[in-house]
Amino acid sequence: MNPDTRPGGDVPSPCNNVCRMNPDTGLCEGCFRTLDEIAAWSALSDVEKRAVLAQLPARRTLR
């Protein structure tokens, strides 16, 4: 299996242990992921993880 498509992989989590969900945005105030993205992280492929990571900079501006 291609390492970029298998679950797990080597892309580190953006979690920084500030786990507080913003009710207005639906995003974690620490890592800017949704609850669904946080819950699924370990099962996502590296490609999927990179797609989530690519969205985080724009989400930071939603504060």
PDB file of N, CA and C in Angstrom:
ATOM      1  N   MET A   1       0.847  -1.193   0.000  1.00  0.00           N
ATOM      2  CA  MET A   1       0.000   0.000   0.000  1.00  0.00           C
ATOM      3  C   MET A   1       0.885   1.246   0.000  1.00  0.00           C
ATOM      4  N   ASN A   2       0.497   2.219  -0.737  1.00  0.00           N
ATOM      5  CA  ASN A   2       1.226   3.485  -0.831  1.00  0.00           C
ATOM      6  C   ASN A   2       1.208   4.185   0.528  1.00  0.00           C
ATOM      7  N   PRO A   3       2.369   4.634   1.056  1.00  0.00           N
ATOM      8  CA  PRO A   3       2.387   5.285   2.368  1.00  0.00           C
ATOM      9  C   PRO A   3       1.570   6.570   2.423  1.00  0.00           C
ATOM     10  N   ASP A   4       1.314   7.206   1.285  1.00  0.00           N
ATOM     11  CA  ASP A   4       0.505   8.429   1.304  1.00  0.00           C
ATOM     12  C   ASP A   4      -0.991   8.136   1.369  1.00  0.00           C
ATOM     13  N   THR A   5      -1.375   6.894   1.167  1.00  0.00           N
ATOM     14  CA  THR A   5      -2.798   6.584   1.184  1.00  0.00           C
ATOM     15  C   THR A   5      -3.195   5.665   2.334  1.00  0.00           C
ATOM     16  N   ARG A   6      -2.240   5.135   3.064  1.00  0.00           N
ATOM     17  CA  ARG A   6      -2.590   4.244   4.160  1.00  0.00           C
ATOM     18  C   ARG A   6      -2.949   5.054   5.409  1.00  0.00           C
ATOM     19  N   PRO A   7      -3.874   4.532   6.233  1.00  0.00           N
ATOM     20  CA  PRO A   7      -4.176   5.216   7.491  1.00  0.00           C
ATOM     21  C   PRO A   7      -2.948   5.254   8.385  1.00  0.00           C
ATOM     22  N   GLY A   8      -2.899   6.223   9.277  1.00  0.00           N
ATOM     23  CA  GLY A   8      -1.754   6.364  10.180  1.00  0.00           C
ATOM     24  C   GLY A   8      -0.756   7.324   9.598  1.00  0.00           C
ATOM     25  N   GLY A   9       0.245   6.783   8.940  1.00  0.00           N
ATOM     26  CA  GLY A   9       1.226   7.605   8.241  1.00  0.00           C
ATOM     27  C   GLY A   9       2.146   8.396   9.146  1.00  0.00           C
ATOM     28  N   ASP A  10       2.812   9.374   8.553  1.00  0.00           N
ATOM     29  CA  ASP A  10       3.838  10.127   9.256  1.00  0.00           C
ATOM     30  C   ASP A  10       3.533  11.607   9.416  1.00  0.00           C
ATOM     31  N   VAL A  11       2.338  12.045   9.062  1.00  0.00           N
ATOM     32  CA  VAL A  11       1.999  13.459   9.184  1.00  0.00           C
ATOM     33  C   VAL A  11       1.594  13.722  10.641  1.00  0.00           C
ATOM     34  N   PRO A  12       2.320  14.590  11.332  1.00  0.00           N
ATOM     35  CA  PRO A  12       2.012  14.821  12.750  1.00  0.00           C
ATOM     36  C   PRO A  12       0.706  15.589  12.948  1.00  0.00           C
ATOM     37  N   SER A  13       0.086  15.338  14.067  1.00  0.00           N
ATOM     38  CA  SER A  13      -1.147  16.039  14.419  1.00  0.00           C
ATOM     39  C   SER A  13      -0.843  17.496  14.750  1.00  0.00           C
ATOM     40  N   PRO A  14      -1.747  18.403  14.389  1.00  0.00           N
ATOM     41  CA  PRO A  14      -1.554  19.809  14.753  1.00  0.00           C
ATOM     42  C   PRO A  14      -1.990  20.109  16.193  1.00  0.00           C
ATOM     43  N   CYS A  15      -2.421  19.095  16.927  1.00  0.00           N
ATOM     44  CA  CYS A  15      -2.893  19.298  18.297  1.00  0.00           C
ATOM     45  C   CYS A  15      -1.793  19.927  19.142  1.00  0.00           C
ATOM     46  N   ASN A  16      -2.172  20.951  19.920  1.00  0.00           N
ATOM     47  CA  ASN A  16      -1.217  21.596  20.822  1.00  0.00           C
ATOM     48  C   ASN A  16      -1.746  21.611  22.261  1.00  0.00           C
ATOM     49  N   ASN A  17      -2.673  20.682  22.543  1.00  0.00           N
ATOM     50  CA  ASN A  17      -3.244  20.486  23.878  1.00  0.00           C
ATOM     51  C   ASN A  17      -4.030  21.680  24.389  1.00  0.00           C
ATOM     52  N   VAL A  18      -4.552  22.502  23.513  1.00  0.00           N
ATOM     53  CA  VAL A  18      -5.507  23.553  23.865  1.00  0.00           C
ATOM     54  C   VAL A  18      -6.828  23.090  23.271  1.00  0.00           C
ATOM     55  N   CYS A  19      -7.493  22.202  23.964  1.00  0.00           N
ATOM     56  CA  CYS A  19      -8.677  21.525  23.427  1.00  0.00           C
ATOM     57  C   CYS A  19      -9.945  22.203  23.934  1.00  0.00           C
ATOM     58  N   ARG A  20     -10.378  23.182  23.164  1.00  0.00           N
ATOM     59  CA  ARG A  20     -11.568  23.956  23.525  1.00  0.00           C
ATOM     60  C   ARG A  20     -12.290  24.282  22.218  1.00  0.00           C
ATOM     61  N   MET A  21     -13.522  23.795  22.105  1.00  0.00           N
ATOM     62  CA  MET A  21     -14.284  24.006  20.878  1.00  0.00           C
ATOM     63  C   MET A  21     -14.983  25.366  20.918  1.00  0.00           C
ATOM     64  N   ASN A  22     -14.857  26.101  19.827  1.00  0.00           N
ATOM     65  CA  ASN A  22     -15.513  27.386  19.692  1.00  0.00           C
ATOM     66  C   ASN A  22     -16.926  27.121  19.150  1.00  0.00           C
ATOM     67  N   PRO A  23     -17.967  27.468  19.917  1.00  0.00           N
ATOM     68  CA  PRO A  23     -19.323  27.163  19.464  1.00  0.00           C
ATOM     69  C   PRO A  23     -19.744  27.963  18.224  1.00  0.00           C
ATOM     70  N   ASP A  24     -19.116  29.085  17.993  1.00  0.00           N
ATOM     71  CA  ASP A  24     -19.468  29.904  16.829  1.00  0.00           C
ATOM     72  C   ASP A  24     -18.883  29.361  15.530  1.00  0.00           C
ATOM     73  N   THR A  25     -17.638  28.881  15.586  1.00  0.00           N
ATOM     74  CA  THR A  25     -16.985  28.388  14.373  1.00  0.00           C
ATOM     75  C   THR A  25     -17.048  26.866  14.243  1.00  0.00           C
ATOM     76  N   GLY A  26     -17.250  26.161  15.359  1.00  0.00           N
ATOM     77  CA  GLY A  26     -17.220  24.704  15.329  1.00  0.00           C
ATOM     78  C   GLY A  26     -15.811  24.158  15.240  1.00  0.00           C
ATOM     79  N   LEU A  27     -14.821  25.018  15.522  1.00  0.00           N
ATOM     80  CA  LEU A  27     -13.414  24.623  15.423  1.00  0.00           C
ATOM     81  C   LEU A  27     -12.772  24.610  16.796  1.00  0.00           C
ATOM     82  N   CYS A  28     -11.781  23.752  16.958  1.00  0.00           N
ATOM     83  CA  CYS A  28     -10.980  23.747  18.178  1.00  0.00           C
ATOM     84  C   CYS A  28     -10.167  25.046  18.208  1.00  0.00           C
ATOM     85  N   GLU A  29     -10.153  25.704  19.352  1.00  0.00           N
ATOM     86  CA  GLU A  29      -9.409  26.961  19.465  1.00  0.00           C
ATOM     87  C   GLU A  29      -7.898  26.745  19.506  1.00  0.00           C
ATOM     88  N   GLY A  30      -7.456  25.513  19.696  1.00  0.00           N
ATOM     89  CA  GLY A  30      -6.026  25.227  19.709  1.00  0.00           C
ATOM     90  C   GLY A  30      -5.478  24.835  18.350  1.00  0.00           C
ATOM     91  N   CYS A  31      -6.164  23.903  17.681  1.00  0.00           N
ATOM     92  CA  CYS A  31      -5.628  23.377  16.419  1.00  0.00           C
ATOM     93  C   CYS A  31      -6.455  23.746  15.193  1.00  0.00           C
ATOM     94  N   PHE A  32      -7.645  24.313  15.405  1.00  0.00           N
ATOM     95  CA  PHE A  32      -8.518  24.782  14.320  1.00  0.00           C
ATOM     96  C   PHE A  32      -9.086  23.666  13.457  1.00  0.00           C
ATOM     97  N   ARG A  33      -9.167  22.454  14.038  1.00  0.00           N
ATOM     98  CA  ARG A  33      -9.840  21.359  13.343  1.00  0.00           C
ATOM     99  C   ARG A  33     -11.263  21.220  13.874  1.00  0.00           C
ATOM    100  N   THR A  34     -12.120  20.573  13.086  1.00  0.00           N
ATOM    101  CA  THR A  34     -13.473  20.257  13.528  1.00  0.00           C
ATOM    102  C   THR A  34     -13.422  19.009  14.409  1.00  0.00           C
ATOM    103  N   LEU A  35     -14.502  18.751  15.140  1.00  0.00           N
ATOM    104  CA  LEU A  35     -14.560  17.525  15.948  1.00  0.00           C
ATOM    105  C   LEU A  35     -14.428  16.288  15.069  1.00  0.00           C
ATOM    106  N   ASP A  36     -15.059  16.303  13.906  1.00  0.00           N
ATOM    107  CA  ASP A  36     -14.962  15.159  12.999  1.00  0.00           C
ATOM    108  C   ASP A  36     -13.524  14.936  12.542  1.00  0.00           C
ATOM    109  N   GLU A  37     -12.807  16.016  12.230  1.00  0.00           N
ATOM    110  CA  GLU A  37     -11.411  15.882  11.801  1.00  0.00           C
ATOM    111  C   GLU A  37     -10.543  15.367  12.940  1.00  0.00           C
ATOM    112  N   ILE A  38     -10.785  15.846  14.149  1.00  0.00           N
ATOM    113  CA  ILE A  38     -10.019  15.394  15.306  1.00  0.00           C
ATOM    114  C   ILE A  38     -10.265  13.907  15.541  1.00  0.00           C
ATOM    115  N   ALA A  39     -11.527  13.505  15.522  1.00  0.00           N
ATOM    116  CA  ALA A  39     -11.884  12.105  15.778  1.00  0.00           C
ATOM    117  C   ALA A  39     -11.328  11.164  14.710  1.00  0.00           C
ATOM    118  N   ALA A  40     -11.289  11.617  13.472  1.00  0.00           N
ATOM    119  CA  ALA A  40     -10.857  10.755  12.361  1.00  0.00           C
ATOM    120  C   ALA A  40      -9.354  10.790  12.118  1.00  0.00           C
ATOM    121  N   TRP A  41      -8.627  11.686  12.756  1.00  0.00           N
ATOM    122  CA  TRP A  41      -7.222  11.938  12.421  1.00  0.00           C
ATOM    123  C   TRP A  41      -6.389  10.670  12.290  1.00  0.00           C
ATOM    124  N   SER A  42      -6.475   9.777  13.255  1.00  0.00           N
ATOM    125  CA  SER A  42      -5.607   8.590  13.227  1.00  0.00           C
ATOM    126  C   SER A  42      -5.939   7.644  12.079  1.00  0.00           C
ATOM    127  N   ALA A  43      -7.141   7.726  11.535  1.00  0.00           N
ATOM    128  CA  ALA A  43      -7.535   6.856  10.424  1.00  0.00           C
ATOM    129  C   ALA A  43      -7.335   7.503   9.060  1.00  0.00           C
ATOM    130  N   LEU A  44      -7.019   8.792   9.031  1.00  0.00           N
ATOM    131  CA  LEU A  44      -6.835   9.478   7.747  1.00  0.00           C
ATOM    132  C   LEU A  44      -5.512   9.090   7.103  1.00  0.00           C
ATOM    133  N   SER A  45      -5.491   9.091   5.794  1.00  0.00           N
ATOM    134  CA  SER A  45      -4.234   8.877   5.069  1.00  0.00           C
ATOM    135  C   SER A  45      -3.396  10.151   5.166  1.00  0.00           C
ATOM    136  N   ASP A  46      -2.135  10.066   4.816  1.00  0.00           N
ATOM    137  CA  ASP A  46      -1.275  11.250   4.817  1.00  0.00           C
ATOM    138  C   ASP A  46      -1.814  12.319   3.877  1.00  0.00           C
ATOM    139  N   VAL A  47      -2.353  11.915   2.741  1.00  0.00           N
ATOM    140  CA  VAL A  47      -2.915  12.869   1.782  1.00  0.00           C
ATOM    141  C   VAL A  47      -4.090  13.603   2.421  1.00  0.00           C
ATOM    142  N   GLU A  48      -4.954  12.877   3.105  1.00  0.00           N
ATOM    143  CA  GLU A  48      -6.105  13.491   3.759  1.00  0.00           C
ATOM    144  C   GLU A  48      -5.661  14.415   4.895  1.00  0.00           C
ATOM    145  N   LYS A  49      -4.660  13.988   5.649  1.00  0.00           N
ATOM    146  CA  LYS A  49      -4.142  14.829   6.735  1.00  0.00           C
ATOM    147  C   LYS A  49      -3.561  16.128   6.178  1.00  0.00           C
ATOM    148  N   ARG A  50      -2.822  16.018   5.100  1.00  0.00           N
ATOM    149  CA  ARG A  50      -2.250  17.234   4.492  1.00  0.00           C
ATOM    150  C   ARG A  50      -3.344  18.167   3.986  1.00  0.00           C
ATOM    151  N   ALA A  51      -4.441  17.606   3.509  1.00  0.00           N
ATOM    152  CA  ALA A  51      -5.565  18.427   3.048  1.00  0.00           C
ATOM    153  C   ALA A  51      -6.178  19.194   4.225  1.00  0.00           C
ATOM    154  N   VAL A  52      -6.307  18.546   5.371  1.00  0.00           N
ATOM    155  CA  VAL A  52      -6.810  19.224   6.572  1.00  0.00           C
ATOM    156  C   VAL A  52      -5.823  20.302   6.983  1.00  0.00           C
ATOM    157  N   LEU A  53      -4.540  19.948   7.049  1.00  0.00           N
ATOM    158  CA  LEU A  53      -3.512  20.918   7.464  1.00  0.00           C
ATOM    159  C   LEU A  53      -3.492  22.140   6.556  1.00  0.00           C
ATOM    160  N   ALA A  54      -3.748  21.954   5.282  1.00  0.00           N
ATOM    161  CA  ALA A  54      -3.735  23.068   4.332  1.00  0.00           C
ATOM    162  C   ALA A  54      -4.853  24.073   4.616  1.00  0.00           C
ATOM    163  N   GLN A  55      -5.920  23.628   5.254  1.00  0.00           N
ATOM    164  CA  GLN A  55      -7.052  24.506   5.567  1.00  0.00           C
ATOM    165  C   GLN A  55      -6.846  25.310   6.852  1.00  0.00           C
ATOM    166  N   LEU A  56      -5.946  24.884   7.708  1.00  0.00           N
ATOM    167  CA  LEU A  56      -5.809  25.502   9.025  1.00  0.00           C
ATOM    168  C   LEU A  56      -5.394  26.971   8.999  1.00  0.00           C
ATOM    169  N   PRO A  57      -4.464  27.404   8.165  1.00  0.00           N
ATOM    170  CA  PRO A  57      -4.113  28.830   8.174  1.00  0.00           C
ATOM    171  C   PRO A  57      -5.303  29.753   7.918  1.00  0.00           C
ATOM    172  N   ALA A  58      -6.151  29.404   6.997  1.00  0.00           N
ATOM    173  CA  ALA A  58      -7.333  30.233   6.713  1.00  0.00           C
ATOM    174  C   ALA A  58      -8.319  30.196   7.882  1.00  0.00           C
ATOM    175  N   ARG A  59      -8.403  29.069   8.544  1.00  0.00           N
ATOM    176  CA  ARG A  59      -9.320  28.952   9.681  1.00  0.00           C
ATOM    177  C   ARG A  59      -8.863  29.806  10.855  1.00  0.00           C
ATOM    178  N   ARG A  60      -7.580  30.012  10.993  1.00  0.00           N
ATOM    179  CA  ARG A  60      -7.070  30.829  12.107  1.00  0.00           C
ATOM    180  C   ARG A  60      -7.600  32.263  12.031  1.00  0.00           C
ATOM    181  N   THR A  61      -7.925  32.720  10.853  1.00  0.00           N
ATOM    182  CA  THR A  61      -8.417  34.088  10.684  1.00  0.00           C
ATOM    183  C   THR A  61      -9.892  34.213  11.089  1.00  0.00           C
ATOM    184  N   LEU A  62     -10.558  33.105  11.365  1.00  0.00           N
ATOM    185  CA  LEU A  62     -11.971  33.122  11.741  1.00  0.00           C
ATOM    186  C   LEU A  62     -12.195  33.440  13.214  1.00  0.00           C
ATOM    187  N   ARG A  63     -11.144  33.650  13.950  1.00  0.00           N
ATOM    188  CA  ARG A  63     -11.266  33.906  15.394  1.00  0.00           C
ATOM    189  C   ARG A  63     -12.235  34.979  15.697  1.00  0.00           C
TER     190      ARG A  63
END
